[in-house]
Protein backbone atom coordinates (compact mmCIF):
# COMPACT_ATOMS: atom_id res chain seq x y z
CA UNK A 1 8.63 56.91 -7.03
CA UNK A 2 11.05 57.10 -9.70
CA UNK A 3 10.27 54.98 -13.11
CA UNK A 4 11.54 51.53 -13.24
CA UNK A 5 12.67 51.66 -9.26
CA UNK A 6 11.92 47.95 -7.50
CA UNK A 7 10.22 47.89 -4.48
CA UNK A 8 9.12 45.82 -1.71
CA UNK A 9 5.46 45.78 -2.18
CA UNK A 10 4.60 43.81 1.35
CA UNK A 11 5.87 47.71 2.75
CA UNK A 12 4.75 50.08 0.19
CA UNK A 13 1.64 51.77 1.21
CA UNK A 14 -0.43 52.95 -1.91
CA UNK A 15 -2.41 56.34 -2.02
CA UNK A 16 -5.79 55.30 -3.29
CA UNK A 17 -8.90 57.43 -4.15
CA UNK A 18 -12.42 56.82 -3.87
CA UNK A 19 -13.65 53.31 -2.21
CA UNK A 20 -10.93 50.36 -1.69
CA UNK A 21 -8.41 52.07 -3.87
CA UNK A 22 -10.13 51.00 -6.64
CA UNK A 23 -10.25 53.97 -8.47
CA UNK A 24 -13.17 56.78 -8.44
CA UNK A 25 -14.73 59.28 -11.30
CA UNK A 26 -13.32 62.32 -11.76
CA UNK A 27 -16.19 64.81 -11.82
CA UNK A 28 -16.85 68.43 -13.56
CA UNK A 29 -19.21 71.06 -13.26
CA UNK A 30 -20.83 71.95 -17.13
CA UNK A 31 -22.87 74.93 -17.49
CA UNK A 32 -25.82 74.06 -19.77
CA UNK A 33 -28.05 77.08 -20.92
CA UNK A 34 -31.83 76.97 -20.77
CA UNK A 35 -32.36 80.46 -22.27
CA UNK A 36 -34.11 81.95 -18.93
CA UNK A 37 -31.70 81.27 -16.94
CA UNK A 38 -29.66 78.33 -15.74
CA UNK A 39 -28.83 75.81 -13.83
CA UNK A 40 -25.37 73.18 -13.07
CA UNK A 41 -25.35 69.60 -12.68
CA UNK A 42 -22.38 66.91 -12.07
CA UNK A 43 -21.51 64.77 -15.23
CA UNK A 44 -18.79 61.75 -15.26
CA UNK A 45 -15.91 62.66 -17.43
CA UNK A 46 -14.81 60.77 -20.50
CA UNK A 47 -13.45 57.28 -19.78
CA UNK A 48 -10.09 56.75 -20.35
CA UNK A 49 -8.87 55.59 -23.74
CA UNK A 50 -5.71 54.20 -25.49
CA UNK A 51 -2.77 52.26 -24.00
CA UNK A 52 -2.30 52.77 -20.42
CA UNK A 53 0.20 55.63 -19.76
CA UNK A 54 3.78 54.71 -17.96
CA UNK A 55 2.11 55.86 -14.75
CA UNK A 56 -1.05 54.02 -14.63
CA UNK A 57 1.11 51.02 -15.48
CA UNK A 58 3.30 51.52 -12.40
CA UNK A 59 0.70 51.97 -10.32
CA UNK A 60 -1.78 49.29 -11.04
CA UNK A 61 0.80 46.87 -10.91
CA UNK A 62 1.90 48.24 -7.63
CA UNK A 63 -1.41 48.10 -6.07
CA UNK A 64 -2.34 44.83 -7.01
CA UNK A 65 0.95 43.17 -5.74
CA UNK A 66 0.42 45.05 -2.42
CA UNK A 67 -2.94 43.87 -2.29
CA UNK A 68 -1.94 40.23 -3.08
CA UNK A 69 1.03 40.48 -0.50
CA UNK A 70 -1.47 41.54 2.49
CA UNK A 71 -3.92 38.54 1.82
CA UNK A 72 -6.23 41.04 0.29
CA UNK A 73 -7.86 39.00 -2.25
CA UNK A 74 -10.97 40.61 -3.17
CA UNK A 75 -9.01 43.94 -3.48
CA UNK A 76 -5.96 42.06 -5.78
CA UNK A 77 -8.87 40.59 -7.77
CA UNK A 78 -10.91 43.73 -8.24
CA UNK A 79 -7.62 45.27 -9.66
CA UNK A 80 -7.68 42.56 -12.55
CA UNK A 81 -9.88 42.27 -15.80
CA UNK A 82 -11.25 39.18 -14.65
CA UNK A 83 -12.03 39.21 -11.16
CA UNK A 84 -13.66 35.83 -10.87
CA UNK A 85 -10.96 33.45 -12.65
CA UNK A 86 -8.20 35.96 -10.31
CA UNK A 87 -10.02 35.22 -7.34
CA UNK A 88 -10.09 31.60 -7.62
CA UNK A 89 -6.35 31.32 -8.68
CA UNK A 90 -5.23 33.94 -5.54
CA UNK A 91 -7.30 31.81 -3.31
CA UNK A 92 -5.89 28.71 -4.51
CA UNK A 93 -2.19 29.91 -4.28
CA UNK A 94 -2.91 30.45 -0.22
CA UNK A 95 -4.56 27.46 0.04
CA UNK A 96 -4.02 24.75 -2.45
CA UNK A 97 0.03 25.58 -2.94
CA UNK A 98 -0.07 26.00 0.87
CA UNK A 99 1.86 29.60 0.59
CA UNK A 100 1.73 31.18 4.07
CA UNK A 101 2.98 34.35 3.40
CA UNK A 102 4.34 36.42 0.23
CA UNK A 103 6.39 39.51 -0.45
CA UNK A 104 7.15 40.80 -4.49
CA UNK A 105 9.63 43.09 -5.82
CA UNK A 106 8.55 44.86 -8.77
CA UNK A 107 11.06 45.64 -11.76
CA UNK A 108 11.25 47.82 -14.14
CA UNK A 109 7.94 48.08 -17.00
CA UNK A 110 9.04 47.28 -20.58
CA UNK A 111 5.55 48.97 -22.00
CA UNK A 112 2.86 47.39 -20.10
CA UNK A 113 4.57 44.41 -19.05
CA UNK A 114 5.95 44.31 -15.49
CA UNK A 115 8.25 41.72 -14.13
CA UNK A 116 8.36 41.02 -10.62
CA UNK A 117 10.30 38.26 -8.28
CA UNK A 118 8.29 36.37 -6.12
CA UNK A 119 9.74 35.02 -2.15
CA UNK A 120 6.82 32.53 -0.71
CA UNK A 121 7.14 31.01 2.32
CA UNK A 122 5.67 27.27 1.53
CA UNK A 123 4.20 25.75 5.05
CA UNK A 124 2.75 22.02 4.77
CA UNK A 125 2.55 20.36 8.47
CA UNK A 126 5.68 20.33 10.05
CA UNK A 127 7.52 21.36 6.63
CA UNK A 128 8.75 25.18 5.69
CA UNK A 129 10.33 26.11 2.42
CA UNK A 130 11.17 29.32 1.07
CA UNK A 131 10.27 29.46 -2.69
CA UNK A 132 11.67 31.99 -4.95
CA UNK A 133 10.72 32.36 -9.14
CA UNK A 134 10.25 35.25 -10.92
CA UNK A 135 6.92 36.28 -13.47
CA UNK A 136 5.29 39.13 -15.01
CA UNK A 137 2.00 40.79 -15.68
CA UNK A 138 0.59 43.04 -18.25
CA UNK A 139 -1.34 46.25 -17.26
CA UNK A 140 -4.62 46.65 -19.77
CA UNK A 141 -7.16 49.30 -20.53
CA UNK A 142 -10.18 48.25 -18.90
CA UNK A 143 -13.44 47.88 -21.51
CA UNK A 144 -16.39 49.01 -19.13
CA UNK A 145 -16.67 51.81 -16.71
CA UNK A 146 -14.15 54.57 -16.68
CA UNK A 147 -11.73 52.27 -18.89
CA UNK A 148 -9.53 52.39 -15.75
CA UNK A 149 -5.75 50.46 -15.91
CA UNK A 150 -6.30 47.13 -14.34
CA UNK A 151 -3.81 44.11 -14.68
CA UNK A 152 -4.56 41.86 -17.36
CA UNK A 153 -5.17 38.54 -15.85
CA UNK A 154 -3.34 35.09 -16.87
CA UNK A 155 -2.62 32.39 -14.74
CA UNK A 156 0.69 33.33 -15.60
CA UNK A 157 0.48 35.80 -13.52
CA UNK A 158 0.76 33.32 -10.27
CA UNK A 159 3.58 31.24 -11.81
CA UNK A 160 5.18 31.51 -15.54
CA UNK A 161 4.10 27.99 -16.61
CA UNK A 162 0.77 27.92 -15.58
CA UNK A 163 -1.59 27.85 -18.08
CA UNK A 164 -5.19 27.76 -18.61
CA UNK A 165 -7.33 25.44 -16.38
CA UNK A 166 -4.10 24.89 -14.32
CA UNK A 167 -3.21 25.68 -10.53
CA UNK A 168 -0.74 24.93 -7.82
CA UNK A 169 -1.07 21.96 -5.32
CA UNK A 170 1.44 21.36 -2.33
CA UNK A 171 1.12 17.68 -1.48
CA UNK A 172 2.74 14.93 -0.44
CA UNK A 173 4.53 13.58 -3.53
CA UNK A 174 5.56 10.11 -1.86
CA UNK A 175 4.74 7.74 1.63
CA UNK A 176 7.24 8.28 4.09
CA UNK A 177 10.67 6.75 3.52
CA UNK A 178 11.71 3.74 5.11
CA UNK A 179 14.75 1.64 5.41
CA UNK A 180 13.78 -2.09 6.46
CA UNK A 181 16.06 -4.16 8.83
CA UNK A 182 15.72 -7.56 9.62
CA UNK A 183 15.28 -8.92 13.69
CA UNK A 184 19.05 -8.40 13.79
CA UNK A 185 19.01 -4.78 11.97
CA UNK A 186 20.89 -6.11 8.95
CA UNK A 187 19.47 -4.11 6.00
CA UNK A 188 16.93 -5.51 3.73
CA UNK A 189 17.09 -4.46 0.18
CA UNK A 190 15.11 -5.59 -2.98
CA UNK A 191 18.15 -6.35 -4.84
CA UNK A 192 19.80 -8.63 -2.44
CA UNK A 193 16.09 -10.17 -1.61
CA UNK A 194 14.31 -10.21 -4.73
CA UNK A 195 11.13 -11.27 -3.36
CA UNK A 196 10.69 -8.53 -1.04
CA UNK A 197 10.38 -6.10 -3.94
CA UNK A 198 6.83 -6.01 -3.51
CA UNK A 199 6.83 -6.31 0.16
CA UNK A 200 8.84 -3.25 1.05
CA UNK A 201 6.73 -0.79 -0.81
CA UNK A 202 3.55 -2.05 1.29
CA UNK A 203 5.81 -1.53 4.60
CA UNK A 204 7.36 1.46 3.43
CA UNK A 205 3.23 2.78 2.84
CA UNK A 206 1.84 1.19 6.02
CA UNK A 207 4.48 2.00 8.21
CA UNK A 208 6.80 4.54 6.94
CA UNK A 209 5.62 7.86 9.38
CA UNK A 210 5.44 5.19 11.99
CA UNK A 211 8.93 4.68 12.06
CA UNK A 212 10.24 7.85 11.88
CA UNK A 213 10.08 8.46 8.18
CA UNK A 214 8.77 11.75 6.69
CA UNK A 215 7.28 12.49 3.18
CA UNK A 216 8.37 14.03 0.45
CA UNK A 217 6.69 17.56 0.17
CA UNK A 218 6.63 19.07 -3.31
CA UNK A 219 4.31 22.12 -4.91
CA UNK A 220 3.37 20.62 -8.14
CA UNK A 221 1.24 21.82 -11.36
CA UNK A 222 -2.19 20.26 -11.75
CA UNK A 223 -4.75 20.12 -14.40
CA UNK A 224 -8.07 20.64 -14.11
CA UNK A 225 -9.92 17.28 -15.65
CA UNK A 226 -6.92 15.17 -14.94
CA UNK A 227 -6.65 12.89 -12.29
CA UNK A 228 -4.82 14.05 -9.07
CA UNK A 229 -1.53 12.35 -8.64
CA UNK A 230 -1.41 9.38 -5.93
CA UNK A 231 0.98 9.55 -3.05
CA UNK A 232 3.29 6.56 -4.61
CA UNK A 233 5.45 3.78 -2.13
CA UNK A 234 7.63 3.48 -5.42
CA UNK A 235 9.28 6.67 -6.78
CA UNK A 236 7.89 7.12 -10.41
CA UNK A 237 4.49 4.86 -10.14
CA UNK A 238 2.12 7.56 -8.76
CA UNK A 239 1.04 8.01 -12.70
CA UNK A 240 2.98 7.84 -16.31
CA UNK A 241 4.89 9.88 -17.35
CA UNK A 242 2.74 11.80 -19.66
CA UNK A 243 -0.01 12.95 -17.04
CA UNK A 244 2.78 13.22 -14.20
CA UNK A 245 2.25 16.50 -12.85
CA UNK A 246 5.17 18.94 -13.37
CA UNK A 247 6.89 19.65 -10.13
CA UNK A 248 7.59 23.36 -9.60
CA UNK A 249 9.66 23.45 -5.98
CA UNK A 250 10.27 20.80 -3.74
CA UNK A 251 9.47 21.71 -0.24
CA UNK A 252 11.18 18.70 1.58
CA UNK A 253 12.85 15.41 0.08
CA UNK A 254 11.46 13.75 2.93
CA UNK A 255 13.91 11.04 4.94
CA UNK A 256 13.46 7.56 5.93
CA UNK A 257 12.41 6.24 9.04
CA UNK A 258 13.87 3.15 10.17
CA UNK A 259 11.54 -0.39 10.56
CA UNK A 260 12.49 -3.47 12.30
CA UNK A 261 10.87 -6.45 10.73
CA UNK A 262 10.81 -9.91 11.92
CA UNK A 263 12.83 -11.56 8.89
CA UNK A 264 16.07 -13.42 9.41
CA UNK A 265 18.21 -12.30 6.42
CA UNK A 266 19.85 -15.78 6.53
CA UNK A 267 16.43 -17.60 6.54
CA UNK A 268 15.17 -15.14 3.41
CA UNK A 269 18.55 -15.85 1.53
CA UNK A 270 18.10 -19.59 1.97
CA UNK A 271 14.44 -19.44 0.71
CA UNK A 272 15.67 -17.15 -1.84
CA UNK A 273 17.93 -19.74 -3.08
CA UNK A 274 15.65 -22.15 -2.47
CA UNK A 275 12.82 -21.15 -5.03
CA UNK A 276 14.96 -20.23 -7.73
CA UNK A 277 15.22 -24.10 -8.94
CA UNK A 278 11.69 -23.79 -10.59
CA UNK A 279 9.89 -21.45 -12.47
CA UNK A 280 7.07 -21.30 -9.94
CA UNK A 281 7.55 -22.05 -6.26
CA UNK A 282 6.85 -20.24 -2.82
CA UNK A 283 7.93 -20.70 0.78
CA UNK A 284 7.35 -18.75 4.12
CA UNK A 285 8.83 -20.08 7.31
CA UNK A 286 7.87 -18.49 10.78
CA UNK A 287 8.84 -18.64 14.29
CA UNK A 288 6.03 -21.06 16.46
CA UNK A 289 6.71 -19.78 19.52
CA UNK A 290 6.06 -16.13 18.26
CA UNK A 291 4.02 -16.27 14.90
CA UNK A 292 6.75 -13.94 13.79
CA UNK A 293 7.58 -14.27 9.97
CA UNK A 294 11.29 -15.24 9.57
CA UNK A 295 11.21 -15.90 5.71
CA UNK A 296 8.67 -14.91 2.38
CA UNK A 297 10.03 -15.93 -1.14
CA UNK A 298 8.43 -16.64 -4.36
CA UNK A 299 10.49 -17.47 -7.95
CA UNK A 300 8.29 -15.19 -9.70
CA UNK A 301 8.72 -11.83 -9.62
CA UNK A 302 5.86 -9.83 -9.89
CA UNK A 303 3.76 -8.03 -7.91
CA UNK A 304 1.18 -10.66 -6.52
CA UNK A 305 2.99 -12.24 -3.84
CA UNK A 306 1.82 -15.74 -3.67
CA UNK A 307 3.63 -16.65 -0.55
CA UNK A 308 1.24 -14.34 1.17
CA UNK A 309 -1.89 -13.90 -0.93
CA UNK A 310 -2.04 -17.49 -2.70
CA UNK A 311 -5.39 -18.99 -2.75
CA UNK A 312 -4.86 -22.61 -3.52
CA UNK A 313 -6.19 -26.37 -2.24
CA UNK A 314 -3.54 -27.49 0.05
CA UNK A 315 -3.85 -30.98 -0.95
CA UNK A 316 -2.98 -33.86 2.13
CA UNK A 317 -0.93 -30.92 3.93
CA UNK A 318 -4.78 -30.24 5.27
CA UNK A 319 -4.87 -33.48 6.81
CA UNK A 320 -3.07 -31.92 9.53
CA UNK A 321 -6.17 -30.02 10.96
CA UNK A 322 -8.39 -32.98 9.86
CA UNK A 323 -6.38 -35.09 12.25
CA UNK A 324 -6.63 -32.43 14.88
CA UNK A 325 -10.35 -32.81 14.50
CA UNK A 326 -10.52 -36.55 14.29
CA UNK A 327 -8.50 -36.90 17.43
CA UNK A 328 -10.37 -34.26 18.98
CA UNK A 329 -13.59 -35.87 18.51
CA UNK A 330 -12.24 -39.40 19.55
CA UNK A 331 -12.80 -41.02 15.78
CA UNK A 332 -9.38 -41.95 15.42
CA UNK A 333 -6.15 -42.53 17.51
CA UNK A 334 -2.87 -42.80 15.76
CA UNK A 335 -2.43 -46.73 17.14
CA UNK A 336 -6.06 -47.60 16.02
CA UNK A 337 -6.37 -49.42 13.19
CA UNK A 338 -7.74 -47.39 9.94
CA UNK A 339 -7.63 -49.47 6.54
CA UNK A 340 -6.39 -48.00 3.90
CA UNK A 341 -8.39 -49.37 0.58
CA UNK A 342 -7.75 -48.22 -3.31
CA UNK A 343 -11.07 -46.51 -3.30
CA UNK A 344 -13.39 -45.05 -0.84
CA UNK A 345 -16.89 -43.36 -1.57
CA UNK A 346 -18.86 -40.71 0.10
CA UNK A 347 -20.95 -38.38 -2.29
CA UNK A 348 -18.31 -39.66 -4.97
CA UNK A 349 -15.42 -41.96 -5.19
CA UNK A 350 -11.96 -41.00 -4.32
CA UNK A 351 -8.55 -42.96 -4.61
CA UNK A 352 -5.25 -42.93 -3.43
CA UNK A 353 -2.39 -41.58 -5.09
CA UNK A 354 -1.14 -44.54 -7.36
CA UNK A 355 -3.80 -46.41 -6.08
CA UNK A 356 -2.01 -47.61 -3.19
CA UNK A 357 -3.63 -49.46 -0.22
CA UNK A 358 -3.07 -51.24 2.74
CA UNK A 359 -5.54 -53.26 4.72
CA UNK A 360 -3.72 -53.26 7.75
CA UNK A 361 -2.79 -49.65 8.52
CA UNK A 362 -2.96 -47.49 11.52
CA UNK A 363 -4.58 -44.09 11.52
CA UNK A 364 -0.72 -42.90 12.15
CA UNK A 365 0.34 -44.67 9.10
CA UNK A 366 -2.25 -43.83 7.60
CA UNK A 367 -1.22 -39.92 8.09
CA UNK A 368 2.58 -40.64 7.22
CA UNK A 369 1.85 -42.41 4.26
CA UNK A 370 -0.69 -39.68 2.95
CA UNK A 371 -3.76 -42.49 2.67
CA UNK A 372 -7.06 -40.27 1.03
CA UNK A 373 -9.35 -42.92 1.43
CA UNK A 374 -8.81 -44.17 5.24
CA UNK A 375 -9.70 -40.10 5.95
CA UNK A 376 -12.68 -40.23 3.29
CA UNK A 377 -14.06 -43.33 5.24
CA UNK A 378 -14.71 -41.01 8.40
CA UNK A 379 -16.54 -38.28 6.86
CA UNK A 380 -19.76 -39.80 7.89
CA UNK A 381 -18.89 -39.79 11.50
CA UNK A 382 -18.19 -35.92 11.97
CA UNK A 383 -20.62 -32.85 11.05
CA UNK A 384 -20.80 -30.60 8.18
CA UNK A 385 -19.00 -27.64 9.73
CA UNK A 386 -16.60 -29.40 12.12
CA UNK A 387 -13.79 -29.21 10.37
CA UNK A 388 -14.40 -25.56 9.79
CA UNK A 389 -15.01 -24.61 13.11
CA UNK A 390 -11.60 -26.72 14.02
CA UNK A 391 -9.82 -24.60 11.16
CA UNK A 392 -11.20 -21.45 12.99
CA UNK A 393 -10.87 -21.99 16.67
CA UNK A 394 -7.84 -24.12 16.75
CA UNK A 395 -6.01 -22.95 13.93
CA UNK A 396 -6.97 -19.50 13.20
CA UNK A 397 -7.56 -20.16 9.68
CA UNK A 398 -10.31 -17.39 8.38
CA UNK A 399 -9.70 -15.28 11.07
CA UNK A 400 -8.67 -11.44 10.40
CA UNK A 401 -4.67 -11.73 10.50
CA UNK A 402 -2.97 -8.31 10.93
CA UNK A 403 0.31 -9.26 10.23
CA UNK A 404 1.71 -5.76 9.16
CA UNK A 405 0.93 -6.71 5.32
CA UNK A 406 -1.82 -7.66 3.37
CA UNK A 407 -2.15 -11.56 3.68
CA UNK A 408 -4.73 -14.07 2.44
CA UNK A 409 -5.58 -15.82 5.82
CA UNK A 410 -7.33 -19.11 5.01
CA UNK A 411 -10.41 -20.48 3.79
CA UNK A 412 -12.20 -23.66 5.09
CA UNK A 413 -16.12 -23.31 4.43
CA UNK A 414 -18.87 -25.58 6.11
CA UNK A 415 -19.80 -28.29 3.19
CA UNK A 416 -21.60 -31.32 2.65
CA UNK A 417 -21.41 -34.81 1.29
CA UNK A 418 -18.50 -35.05 -1.50
CA UNK A 419 -17.44 -31.34 -0.73
CA UNK A 420 -17.41 -32.46 3.12
CA UNK A 421 -14.95 -35.62 2.54
CA UNK A 422 -13.31 -33.45 -0.01
CA UNK A 423 -12.13 -30.64 2.19
CA UNK A 424 -11.30 -33.55 4.41
CA UNK A 425 -8.11 -34.11 2.23
CA UNK A 426 -7.49 -30.48 1.46
CA UNK A 427 -9.58 -30.80 -1.63
CA UNK A 428 -12.83 -28.86 -3.01
CA UNK A 429 -13.07 -25.32 -2.05
CA UNK A 430 -10.39 -25.26 0.98
CA UNK A 431 -8.10 -22.55 0.07
CA UNK A 432 -4.53 -21.85 1.69
CA UNK A 433 -1.47 -19.88 0.99
CA UNK A 434 2.04 -21.04 2.13
CA UNK A 435 1.92 -18.93 5.03
CA UNK A 436 -1.31 -20.48 6.28
CA UNK A 437 0.10 -23.70 6.13
CA UNK A 438 3.35 -22.60 7.66
CA UNK A 439 1.17 -21.71 10.49
CA UNK A 440 -0.74 -24.83 10.74
CA UNK A 441 2.67 -26.68 11.33
CA UNK A 442 3.50 -24.05 13.66
CA UNK A 443 0.63 -24.37 15.67
CA UNK A 444 1.02 -28.20 16.16
CA UNK A 445 4.86 -27.55 17.37
CA UNK A 446 3.98 -24.91 19.88
CA UNK A 447 0.46 -26.45 20.90
CA UNK A 448 -1.53 -23.17 20.22
CA UNK A 449 -1.94 -20.80 17.22
CA UNK A 450 0.23 -17.58 17.00
CA UNK A 451 -0.85 -15.04 14.45
CA UNK A 452 1.79 -14.76 12.12
CA UNK A 453 3.19 -11.19 11.90
CA UNK A 454 5.94 -9.25 9.59
CA UNK A 455 6.20 -6.10 11.76
CA UNK A 456 5.54 -5.75 15.89
CA UNK A 457 2.22 -4.98 16.41
CA UNK A 458 3.84 -2.37 18.60
CA UNK A 459 4.94 -0.29 16.15
CA UNK A 460 1.46 0.85 14.98
CA UNK A 461 -0.65 -0.38 18.21
CA UNK A 462 -2.60 -3.03 16.10
CA UNK A 463 -4.33 -6.66 17.51
CA UNK A 464 -3.33 -9.69 16.54
CA UNK A 465 -5.79 -12.77 16.06
CA UNK A 466 -6.41 -15.49 18.75
CA UNK A 467 -8.19 -18.25 18.25
CA UNK A 468 -10.38 -19.46 20.95
CA UNK A 469 -8.88 -22.30 22.10
CA UNK A 470 -5.85 -24.32 22.04
CA UNK A 471 -4.92 -27.84 21.04
CA UNK A 472 -5.73 -30.42 23.86
CA UNK A 473 -2.11 -31.25 25.26
CA UNK A 474 -2.94 -34.91 24.29
CA UNK A 475 -4.00 -34.19 20.82
CA UNK A 476 -1.06 -31.87 19.92
CA UNK A 477 1.06 -34.86 21.20
CA UNK A 478 -0.50 -37.12 18.97
CA UNK A 479 0.26 -34.82 15.98
CA UNK A 480 3.57 -34.12 16.74
CA UNK A 481 4.24 -37.88 16.76
CA UNK A 482 2.57 -38.29 13.74
CA UNK A 483 4.27 -36.09 11.95
CA UNK A 484 7.58 -36.97 12.97
CA UNK A 485 6.89 -40.64 11.63
CA UNK A 486 5.93 -38.63 8.22
CA UNK A 487 9.15 -36.93 8.33
CA UNK A 488 11.22 -39.79 9.93
CA UNK A 489 9.86 -42.77 7.65
CA UNK A 490 6.73 -41.41 5.63
CA UNK A 491 6.20 -39.65 2.88
CA UNK A 492 8.09 -36.73 3.89
CA UNK A 493 11.53 -39.03 4.85
CA UNK A 494 13.69 -38.46 1.38
CA UNK A 495 13.10 -34.35 2.00
CA UNK A 496 14.10 -34.14 5.44
CA UNK A 497 16.68 -36.43 5.58
CA UNK A 498 19.66 -35.31 7.24
CA UNK A 499 18.04 -32.65 9.59
CA UNK A 500 17.92 -33.97 13.25
CA UNK A 501 16.18 -32.68 16.53
CA UNK A 502 12.45 -31.84 16.72
CA UNK A 503 11.27 -32.49 13.56
CA UNK A 504 8.08 -33.44 12.18
CA UNK A 505 6.58 -32.88 8.40
CA UNK A 506 3.64 -33.29 6.00
CA UNK A 507 3.25 -33.80 2.16
CA UNK A 508 0.39 -33.03 -0.28
CA UNK A 509 -0.22 -32.85 -3.80
CA UNK A 510 -3.45 -31.32 -5.07
CA UNK A 511 -5.32 -31.57 -8.12
CA UNK A 512 -6.43 -28.74 -9.53
CA UNK A 513 -8.43 -28.72 -12.75
CA UNK A 514 -7.09 -27.98 -16.22
CA UNK A 515 -3.54 -29.48 -14.61
CA UNK A 516 -1.92 -32.10 -16.21
CA UNK A 517 0.34 -32.59 -12.87
CA UNK A 518 -1.12 -31.66 -9.32
CA UNK A 519 0.33 -29.27 -6.76
CA UNK A 520 2.97 -30.08 -4.60
CA UNK A 521 2.81 -29.13 -1.26
CA UNK A 522 4.74 -29.74 1.81
CA UNK A 523 4.88 -28.11 5.37
CA UNK A 524 7.44 -29.16 8.49
CA UNK A 525 9.21 -27.84 11.45
CA UNK A 526 12.29 -27.97 12.97
CA UNK A 527 12.57 -26.84 16.43
CA UNK A 528 11.11 -23.33 16.52
CA UNK A 529 11.14 -22.81 12.99
CA UNK A 530 8.18 -23.91 10.92
CA UNK A 531 7.78 -23.39 6.80
CA UNK A 532 5.64 -24.45 4.07
CA UNK A 533 6.43 -24.53 0.01
CA UNK A 534 4.02 -24.85 -2.73
CA UNK A 535 5.38 -25.95 -6.51
CA UNK A 536 2.74 -25.31 -9.02
CA UNK A 537 2.31 -28.57 -11.51
CA UNK A 538 5.36 -30.07 -9.40
CA UNK A 539 3.81 -33.54 -9.09
CA UNK A 540 4.60 -35.06 -5.64
CA UNK A 541 5.02 -32.56 -2.34
CA UNK A 542 7.60 -34.72 -1.25
CA UNK A 543 9.99 -34.36 -4.16
CA UNK A 544 9.36 -30.70 -5.41
CA UNK A 545 8.26 -28.30 -2.05
CA UNK A 546 10.00 -30.77 0.38
CA UNK A 547 13.57 -29.69 -0.80
CA UNK A 548 12.51 -25.82 -0.16
CA UNK A 549 11.17 -26.82 2.90
CA UNK A 550 14.18 -28.73 4.02
CA UNK A 551 16.55 -25.99 3.17
CA UNK A 552 14.63 -22.85 4.62
CA UNK A 553 14.55 -25.56 7.74
CA UNK A 554 18.53 -25.93 7.71
CA UNK A 555 19.07 -22.11 7.30
CA UNK A 556 17.05 -21.50 10.16
């Protein structure tokens, strides 16, 4: 072969001498005089010294590249001056970088340095790409044995941008992308619907591939001791710029899948507008007949999605669940007298907002006026676990909801004494999110619990939570009549004014330690749309959260 000629190493057959082509000792005969005769023995030739010759440089590079191309890692590593490091790097090139096949073209040497071009076939799952680049190796004189010529091992032999402690890794760089659309096929973008900014990345992570999307795949430089990059749903969020692995080759940019959600763009837009009038407010709308989530909005644009993940006392909106329990157990009926005194004691003394009272009230009037003391007066007539059982078995609260997105699913623990009484009016250890309370109103409207969901379960085969039993028909009818009374002439009348049709509502004001004003809550339904909102430190729920819910119901 002429010096400087380019070769396709994968098709060159190298002539080898000795075992495995790794070189052989040259043996010579020498005669030693013993004074009385002669005897002969074999001696090893002196070790080669000095810089490798041009022929040695060309031949060593050719043999090394041929072994590498053939996948003979042991032979290739044996042709270097650091077989252990070369074995690790060349094995990683196949396994870590997912190089299925590689070919080389050897260039003309400049002294001991030999440039060569690389054509690597990278295969990762269904993705396949041809990667070409140039690098070089240097041939040195071995320091032991016969001083044979060897490739001076450096990580840059594999790729010119590799240094000590670095390797190549081919992997998914981001979750498969999606184009999320609403129930009518209208695209949902965080720029148009800012409350969806924390929702869309999670949907992408969960459903990207199931929706037909393909993840991006890249060959990157990884440094030992540095955390590996984590596939991210948001470009650039896997790591900080200073620690981000360097991309050397893009195998596939990926492609988005189309994911249909249950959201309604019109209702979502109304929800976004409604919460924007407050520095802190959240609202959720659901479809009672199916459980489909129609809108999710928060005025605070943070990663914490209070509408779905919030865990705060729901105040008097919880009286919907408490009333269902009392009606089922026959402890109250809408038309039965149940006085509303200024104060009531059960473990501790409770009072009404503004110390109001109505000695001649009925249970329905207590509900519509949100009388705390009337409900507290019945605490001794129910068991310590009665409210928790009603919340779980009828309203599905605390069950494992599989909505297609992370949610808090409500908490109503069993309690006794003052804790039980507080829970009956949505205080104490009861915790809810706007999603939970929208579902409570939806359960009353529908007559049975339908687990809220944002993505149809058929997309990933998950099973929705089911409550053990529905509301008994008469109880559902009584609850609907009491919520209608609240919407038309009770504490919800101002917010619900002008909303016709089949309506029902419940207000709530939840006191929280160290707050100057209670959290304002409101939940209501109109036809086949139910919604709930909370305004932290908003005061009376009818005044703060009520208009938000009403705006969403109008859009629905």
